[in-house]
Amino acid sequence: MIITVHAVLRAAICFVPWMFFFVWCRAGNDKGILLDAVLSVCGFAATYLACLHSGGRFTLCLSCAVLTTSMLMASSREDIKKGTFFVVPLYACILGNVLFAVYSARYFPVSGAMSIPFWKETAAVVFVLVALRLGKLATGDCFIYLACWLSFLTLFREYSFFAFFLMLLVSTLIGILSWFVMVIRGMKATARFPFTAQISAGCLVSYAVFGILG
């Protein structure tokens, strides 16, 4: 019973930011209530799952997850509706996640069997992001990948390397599928299409998978 009450309490705490997020989305009274509802539910689910096995680090993980998922959901909403998004929240998210990662590494060291030396992991992530940018991925999208990876360092350091590549794989597959659908609907093959939502979906999948694995 205690475990059940504890889980419900944590779920309620994770839900509160997304209630405010939905209200913020609806403040403009524009169309798209279904999109706002879906983004809010996805944000809540990702936040809760990312903090599932946080233990005594719940406050730290909750802060990191809310910061990152709110940036992802807000950016996805803007990109889907307008084809662009504000970069200031993204940069704020990156800075916040750097601070969270530094704090987490200092007070919660990790030496699990699945962990990768930090310098090797950083080199691999930087190489991938540079390759994506050279491959014409938008700079903003590369920074979103970076923000997500930084959050993995806090949320589940032992699996952060694998979480990054799972996010990359899922977002790429969803992106390819989205591109095919849009081309079939008449979009030019070389035209830009919103990719922020696909990156966000990849990150949410990693939150769910590695949040459950703990």
C-alpha atoms as a PDB file:
ATOM      1  CA  MET A   1       0.000   0.000   0.000  1.00  0.00           C
ATOM      2  CA  ILE A   2       2.852   2.364   0.844  1.00  0.00           C
ATOM      3  CA  ILE A   3       4.491   1.693  -2.516  1.00  0.00           C
ATOM      4  CA  THR A   4       1.197   2.347  -4.314  1.00  0.00           C
ATOM      5  CA  VAL A   5       0.619   5.631  -2.512  1.00  0.00           C
ATOM      6  CA  HIS A   6       4.228   6.640  -3.159  1.00  0.00           C
ATOM      7  CA  ALA A   7       3.869   5.894  -6.885  1.00  0.00           C
ATOM      8  CA  VAL A   8       0.592   7.825  -7.102  1.00  0.00           C
ATOM      9  CA  LEU A   9       2.163  10.785  -5.311  1.00  0.00           C
ATOM     10  CA  ARG A  10       5.095  10.851  -7.711  1.00  0.00           C
ATOM     11  CA  ALA A  11       2.763  10.581 -10.698  1.00  0.00           C
ATOM     12  CA  ALA A  12       0.733  13.512  -9.360  1.00  0.00           C
ATOM     13  CA  ILE A  13       3.891  15.603  -8.942  1.00  0.00           C
ATOM     14  CA  CYS A  14       4.974  14.745 -12.503  1.00  0.00           C
ATOM     15  CA  PHE A  15       1.494  15.664 -13.787  1.00  0.00           C
ATOM     16  CA  VAL A  16       1.395  19.207 -12.352  1.00  0.00           C
ATOM     17  CA  PRO A  17       3.850  20.827 -14.845  1.00  0.00           C
ATOM     18  CA  TRP A  18       1.900  19.370 -17.768  1.00  0.00           C
ATOM     19  CA  MET A  19      -1.371  20.719 -16.516  1.00  0.00           C
ATOM     20  CA  PHE A  20       0.210  24.186 -16.652  1.00  0.00           C
ATOM     21  CA  PHE A  21       1.762  23.379 -20.047  1.00  0.00           C
ATOM     22  CA  PHE A  22      -1.658  22.551 -21.496  1.00  0.00           C
ATOM     23  CA  VAL A  23      -3.137  25.749 -20.047  1.00  0.00           C
ATOM     24  CA  TRP A  24      -0.247  27.722 -21.575  1.00  0.00           C
ATOM     25  CA  CYS A  25      -0.869  26.087 -24.967  1.00  0.00           C
ATOM     26  CA  ARG A  26      -4.563  26.982 -24.847  1.00  0.00           C
ATOM     27  CA  ALA A  27      -3.956  30.581 -23.710  1.00  0.00           C
ATOM     28  CA  GLY A  28      -3.922  31.763 -27.318  1.00  0.00           C
ATOM     29  CA  ASN A  29      -7.342  30.193 -27.965  1.00  0.00           C
ATOM     30  CA  ASP A  30      -6.120  28.937 -31.342  1.00  0.00           C
ATOM     31  CA  LYS A  31      -7.043  25.694 -33.064  1.00  0.00           C
ATOM     32  CA  GLY A  32      -5.228  22.484 -32.295  1.00  0.00           C
ATOM     33  CA  ILE A  33      -6.550  21.389 -28.917  1.00  0.00           C
ATOM     34  CA  LEU A  34      -5.971  17.733 -29.841  1.00  0.00           C
ATOM     35  CA  LEU A  35      -2.305  18.406 -30.615  1.00  0.00           C
ATOM     36  CA  ASP A  36      -1.903  20.273 -27.325  1.00  0.00           C
ATOM     37  CA  ALA A  37      -3.538  17.424 -25.421  1.00  0.00           C
ATOM     38  CA  VAL A  38      -1.342  14.786 -27.104  1.00  0.00           C
ATOM     39  CA  LEU A  39       1.835  16.776 -26.422  1.00  0.00           C
ATOM     40  CA  SER A  40       0.844  17.270 -22.781  1.00  0.00           C
ATOM     41  CA  VAL A  41       0.099  13.574 -22.266  1.00  0.00           C
ATOM     42  CA  CYS A  42       3.345  12.552 -23.976  1.00  0.00           C
ATOM     43  CA  GLY A  43       5.290  15.028 -21.864  1.00  0.00           C
ATOM     44  CA  PHE A  44       3.724  13.712 -18.664  1.00  0.00           C
ATOM     45  CA  ALA A  45       4.343  10.070 -19.598  1.00  0.00           C
ATOM     46  CA  ALA A  46       7.977  10.741 -20.519  1.00  0.00           C
ATOM     47  CA  THR A  47       8.587  12.738 -17.335  1.00  0.00           C
ATOM     48  CA  TYR A  48       7.083  10.034 -15.140  1.00  0.00           C
ATOM     49  CA  LEU A  49       8.937   7.166 -16.831  1.00  0.00           C
ATOM     50  CA  ALA A  50      12.263   9.018 -16.835  1.00  0.00           C
ATOM     51  CA  CYS A  51      11.965   9.422 -13.043  1.00  0.00           C
ATOM     52  CA  LEU A  52      10.651   5.912 -12.429  1.00  0.00           C
ATOM     53  CA  HIS A  53      13.820   4.564 -10.818  1.00  0.00           C
ATOM     54  CA  SER A  54      15.321   7.825  -9.598  1.00  0.00           C
ATOM     55  CA  GLY A  55      15.251   6.762  -5.935  1.00  0.00           C
ATOM     56  CA  GLY A  56      16.719   9.490  -3.764  1.00  0.00           C
ATOM     57  CA  ARG A  57      17.460  11.580  -6.859  1.00  0.00           C
ATOM     58  CA  PHE A  58      13.804  12.223  -7.646  1.00  0.00           C
ATOM     59  CA  THR A  59      13.913  16.018  -7.328  1.00  0.00           C
ATOM     60  CA  LEU A  60      17.030  16.257  -9.509  1.00  0.00           C
ATOM     61  CA  CYS A  61      15.655  13.883 -12.147  1.00  0.00           C
ATOM     62  CA  LEU A  62      12.239  15.546 -12.126  1.00  0.00           C
ATOM     63  CA  SER A  63      13.791  18.973 -12.682  1.00  0.00           C
ATOM     64  CA  CYS A  64      15.932  17.662 -15.545  1.00  0.00           C
ATOM     65  CA  ALA A  65      13.076  15.726 -17.167  1.00  0.00           C
ATOM     66  CA  VAL A  66      10.586  18.596 -16.939  1.00  0.00           C
ATOM     67  CA  LEU A  67      13.114  21.086 -18.321  1.00  0.00           C
ATOM     68  CA  THR A  68      13.935  18.867 -21.294  1.00  0.00           C
ATOM     69  CA  THR A  69      10.489  17.509 -22.132  1.00  0.00           C
ATOM     70  CA  SER A  70       8.822  20.922 -21.851  1.00  0.00           C
ATOM     71  CA  MET A  71      11.396  22.315 -24.294  1.00  0.00           C
ATOM     72  CA  LEU A  72      10.789  19.366 -26.632  1.00  0.00           C
ATOM     73  CA  MET A  73       6.999  19.601 -26.524  1.00  0.00           C
ATOM     74  CA  ALA A  74       6.932  23.400 -26.912  1.00  0.00           C
ATOM     75  CA  SER A  75       9.458  23.302 -29.773  1.00  0.00           C
ATOM     76  CA  SER A  76       7.573  20.470 -31.489  1.00  0.00           C
ATOM     77  CA  ARG A  77       4.332  22.422 -31.221  1.00  0.00           C
ATOM     78  CA  GLU A  78       5.882  25.517 -32.783  1.00  0.00           C
ATOM     79  CA  ASP A  79       7.680  23.547 -35.490  1.00  0.00           C
ATOM     80  CA  ILE A  80       4.532  21.635 -36.473  1.00  0.00           C
ATOM     81  CA  LYS A  81       2.384  24.786 -36.591  1.00  0.00           C
ATOM     82  CA  LYS A  82       4.854  27.363 -37.908  1.00  0.00           C
ATOM     83  CA  GLY A  83       7.832  25.453 -39.292  1.00  0.00           C
ATOM     84  CA  THR A  84      10.203  27.029 -36.751  1.00  0.00           C
ATOM     85  CA  PHE A  85      10.753  27.351 -33.011  1.00  0.00           C
ATOM     86  CA  PHE A  86      12.313  29.715 -30.477  1.00  0.00           C
ATOM     87  CA  VAL A  87      15.973  29.018 -29.721  1.00  0.00           C
ATOM     88  CA  VAL A  88      16.167  30.762 -26.330  1.00  0.00           C
ATOM     89  CA  PRO A  89      14.317  27.931 -24.485  1.00  0.00           C
ATOM     90  CA  LEU A  90      16.602  25.444 -26.239  1.00  0.00           C
ATOM     91  CA  TYR A  91      19.760  27.237 -25.110  1.00  0.00           C
ATOM     92  CA  ALA A  92      18.333  27.566 -21.592  1.00  0.00           C
ATOM     93  CA  CYS A  93      17.653  23.827 -21.615  1.00  0.00           C
ATOM     94  CA  ILE A  94      21.210  23.046 -22.692  1.00  0.00           C
ATOM     95  CA  LEU A  95      22.653  25.271 -19.955  1.00  0.00           C
ATOM     96  CA  GLY A  96      20.341  23.790 -17.341  1.00  0.00           C
ATOM     97  CA  ASN A  97      21.190  20.232 -18.353  1.00  0.00           C
ATOM     98  CA  VAL A  98      24.910  20.995 -18.225  1.00  0.00           C
ATOM     99  CA  LEU A  99      24.492  22.177 -14.640  1.00  0.00           C
ATOM    100  CA  PHE A 100      22.366  19.148 -13.744  1.00  0.00           C
ATOM    101  CA  ALA A 101      24.926  16.791 -15.298  1.00  0.00           C
ATOM    102  CA  VAL A 102      27.834  18.404 -13.448  1.00  0.00           C
ATOM    103  CA  TYR A 103      25.950  18.261 -10.147  1.00  0.00           C
ATOM    104  CA  SER A 104      24.898  14.660 -10.754  1.00  0.00           C
ATOM    105  CA  ALA A 105      28.431  13.536 -11.659  1.00  0.00           C
ATOM    106  CA  ARG A 106      29.834  15.196  -8.549  1.00  0.00           C
ATOM    107  CA  TYR A 107      27.396  13.789  -6.016  1.00  0.00           C
ATOM    108  CA  PHE A 108      26.151  10.610  -7.734  1.00  0.00           C
ATOM    109  CA  PRO A 109      29.162   8.910  -9.408  1.00  0.00           C
ATOM    110  CA  VAL A 110      28.423   5.984 -11.708  1.00  0.00           C
ATOM    111  CA  SER A 111      30.597   2.971 -12.454  1.00  0.00           C
ATOM    112  CA  GLY A 112      28.105   0.442 -13.818  1.00  0.00           C
ATOM    113  CA  ALA A 113      28.942  -2.346 -16.224  1.00  0.00           C
ATOM    114  CA  MET A 114      27.119  -0.556 -19.063  1.00  0.00           C
ATOM    115  CA  SER A 115      28.712   2.862 -18.530  1.00  0.00           C
ATOM    116  CA  ILE A 116      31.106   4.300 -21.119  1.00  0.00           C
ATOM    117  CA  PRO A 117      34.070   6.530 -20.178  1.00  0.00           C
ATOM    118  CA  PHE A 118      32.800  10.093 -20.382  1.00  0.00           C
ATOM    119  CA  TRP A 119      35.450  11.363 -22.789  1.00  0.00           C
ATOM    120  CA  LYS A 120      34.791   8.509 -25.228  1.00  0.00           C
ATOM    121  CA  GLU A 121      31.047   9.056 -25.048  1.00  0.00           C
ATOM    122  CA  THR A 122      31.450  12.810 -25.563  1.00  0.00           C
ATOM    123  CA  ALA A 123      33.740  12.274 -28.559  1.00  0.00           C
ATOM    124  CA  ALA A 124      31.253   9.873 -30.148  1.00  0.00           C
ATOM    125  CA  VAL A 125      28.297  12.206 -29.609  1.00  0.00           C
ATOM    126  CA  VAL A 126      30.189  15.229 -30.961  1.00  0.00           C
ATOM    127  CA  PHE A 127      31.295  13.225 -34.012  1.00  0.00           C
ATOM    128  CA  VAL A 128      27.706  12.170 -34.737  1.00  0.00           C
ATOM    129  CA  LEU A 129      26.358  15.698 -34.330  1.00  0.00           C
ATOM    130  CA  VAL A 130      29.048  17.184 -36.584  1.00  0.00           C
ATOM    131  CA  ALA A 131      28.320  14.496 -39.192  1.00  0.00           C
ATOM    132  CA  LEU A 132      24.597  15.264 -39.008  1.00  0.00           C
ATOM    133  CA  ARG A 133      25.246  18.973 -39.442  1.00  0.00           C
ATOM    134  CA  LEU A 134      27.498  18.319 -42.448  1.00  0.00           C
ATOM    135  CA  GLY A 135      24.675  16.129 -43.734  1.00  0.00           C
ATOM    136  CA  LYS A 136      22.439  19.237 -43.774  1.00  0.00           C
ATOM    137  CA  LEU A 137      20.543  18.630 -40.544  1.00  0.00           C
ATOM    138  CA  ALA A 138      19.471  22.014 -39.191  1.00  0.00           C
ATOM    139  CA  THR A 139      21.680  23.520 -36.499  1.00  0.00           C
ATOM    140  CA  GLY A 140      18.714  23.836 -34.147  1.00  0.00           C
ATOM    141  CA  ASP A 141      17.931  20.137 -34.519  1.00  0.00           C
ATOM    142  CA  CYS A 142      21.555  19.252 -33.714  1.00  0.00           C
ATOM    143  CA  PHE A 143      21.316  21.339 -30.554  1.00  0.00           C
ATOM    144  CA  ILE A 144      18.100  19.535 -29.607  1.00  0.00           C
ATOM    145  CA  TYR A 145      19.944  16.226 -29.869  1.00  0.00           C
ATOM    146  CA  LEU A 146      22.657  17.725 -27.665  1.00  0.00           C
ATOM    147  CA  ALA A 147      20.152  18.899 -25.049  1.00  0.00           C
ATOM    148  CA  CYS A 148      18.599  15.433 -24.900  1.00  0.00           C
ATOM    149  CA  TRP A 149      21.951  13.685 -24.529  1.00  0.00           C
ATOM    150  CA  LEU A 150      22.907  16.029 -21.686  1.00  0.00           C
ATOM    151  CA  SER A 151      19.679  15.080 -19.932  1.00  0.00           C
ATOM    152  CA  PHE A 152      20.568  11.390 -20.269  1.00  0.00           C
ATOM    153  CA  LEU A 153      23.749  12.046 -18.286  1.00  0.00           C
ATOM    154  CA  THR A 154      21.628  13.069 -15.315  1.00  0.00           C
ATOM    155  CA  LEU A 155      18.672  10.727 -15.679  1.00  0.00           C
ATOM    156  CA  PHE A 156      20.503   7.454 -16.333  1.00  0.00           C
ATOM    157  CA  ARG A 157      24.245   7.940 -16.675  1.00  0.00           C
ATOM    158  CA  GLU A 158      25.050   4.239 -16.952  1.00  0.00           C
ATOM    159  CA  TYR A 159      22.924   3.952 -20.090  1.00  0.00           C
ATOM    160  CA  SER A 160      23.332   7.482 -21.500  1.00  0.00           C
ATOM    161  CA  PHE A 161      25.467   6.348 -24.452  1.00  0.00           C
ATOM    162  CA  PHE A 162      22.912   3.751 -25.506  1.00  0.00           C
ATOM    163  CA  ALA A 163      20.011   6.131 -24.843  1.00  0.00           C
ATOM    164  CA  PHE A 164      21.525   8.634 -27.282  1.00  0.00           C
ATOM    165  CA  PHE A 165      21.821   6.103 -30.093  1.00  0.00           C
ATOM    166  CA  LEU A 166      18.362   4.687 -29.452  1.00  0.00           C
ATOM    167  CA  MET A 167      17.009   8.241 -29.707  1.00  0.00           C
ATOM    168  CA  LEU A 168      18.969   8.732 -32.927  1.00  0.00           C
ATOM    169  CA  LEU A 169      17.691   5.461 -34.415  1.00  0.00           C
ATOM    170  CA  VAL A 170      14.033   6.037 -33.506  1.00  0.00           C
ATOM    171  CA  SER A 171      13.977   9.660 -34.646  1.00  0.00           C
ATOM    172  CA  THR A 172      15.660   8.745 -37.951  1.00  0.00           C
ATOM    173  CA  LEU A 173      13.211   5.936 -38.678  1.00  0.00           C
ATOM    174  CA  ILE A 174      10.217   8.137 -37.839  1.00  0.00           C
ATOM    175  CA  GLY A 175      11.747  10.945 -39.906  1.00  0.00           C
ATOM    176  CA  ILE A 176      12.147   8.700 -42.952  1.00  0.00           C
ATOM    177  CA  LEU A 177       8.574   7.472 -42.605  1.00  0.00           C
ATOM    178  CA  SER A 178       7.295  11.055 -42.241  1.00  0.00           C
ATOM    179  CA  TRP A 179       9.268  12.129 -45.309  1.00  0.00           C
ATOM    180  CA  PHE A 180       7.761   9.317 -47.414  1.00  0.00           C
ATOM    181  CA  VAL A 181       4.235  10.235 -46.295  1.00  0.00           C
ATOM    182  CA  MET A 182       4.764  13.911 -47.112  1.00  0.00           C
ATOM    183  CA  VAL A 183       6.276  13.136 -50.520  1.00  0.00           C
ATOM    184  CA  ILE A 184       3.305  10.895 -51.302  1.00  0.00           C
ATOM    185  CA  ARG A 185       1.035  13.806 -50.355  1.00  0.00           C
ATOM    186  CA  GLY A 186       2.781  16.071 -52.851  1.00  0.00           C
ATOM    187  CA  MET A 187       5.702  17.635 -50.991  1.00  0.00           C
ATOM    188  CA  LYS A 188       8.901  18.096 -52.976  1.00  0.00           C
ATOM    189  CA  ALA A 189      11.541  15.507 -52.066  1.00  0.00           C
ATOM    190  CA  THR A 190      14.070  18.262 -51.313  1.00  0.00           C
ATOM    191  CA  ALA A 191      11.712  20.438 -49.252  1.00  0.00           C
ATOM    192  CA  ARG A 192      12.303  20.961 -45.533  1.00  0.00           C
ATOM    193  CA  PHE A 193       9.775  19.410 -43.198  1.00  0.00           C
ATOM    194  CA  PRO A 194       9.411  19.708 -39.399  1.00  0.00           C
ATOM    195  CA  PHE A 195      11.851  17.287 -37.761  1.00  0.00           C
ATOM    196  CA  THR A 196      11.661  18.483 -34.161  1.00  0.00           C
ATOM    197  CA  ALA A 197       8.711  16.229 -33.362  1.00  0.00           C
ATOM    198  CA  GLN A 198      10.614  13.191 -34.646  1.00  0.00           C
ATOM    199  CA  ILE A 199      13.625  14.013 -32.458  1.00  0.00           C
ATOM    200  CA  SER A 200      11.286  14.510 -29.518  1.00  0.00           C
ATOM    201  CA  ALA A 201       9.674  11.127 -30.146  1.00  0.00           C
ATOM    202  CA  GLY A 202      13.100   9.476 -30.156  1.00  0.00           C
ATOM    203  CA  CYS A 203      14.012  11.130 -26.879  1.00  0.00           C
ATOM    204  CA  LEU A 204      10.712  10.095 -25.286  1.00  0.00           C
ATOM    205  CA  VAL A 205      11.288   6.485 -26.331  1.00  0.00           C
ATOM    206  CA  SER A 206      14.716   6.563 -24.680  1.00  0.00           C
ATOM    207  CA  TYR A 207      13.190   8.084 -21.550  1.00  0.00           C
ATOM    208  CA  ALA A 208      10.654   5.265 -21.420  1.00  0.00           C
ATOM    209  CA  VAL A 209      13.040   2.388 -22.189  1.00  0.00           C
ATOM    210  CA  PHE A 210      15.917   3.410 -19.946  1.00  0.00           C
ATOM    211  CA  GLY A 211      13.676   4.870 -17.271  1.00  0.00           C
ATOM    212  CA  ILE A 212      12.084   1.445 -16.915  1.00  0.00           C
ATOM    213  CA  LEU A 213      15.462  -0.338 -17.048  1.00  0.00           C
ATOM    214  CA  GLY A 214      16.703   2.005 -14.345  1.00  0.00           C
END
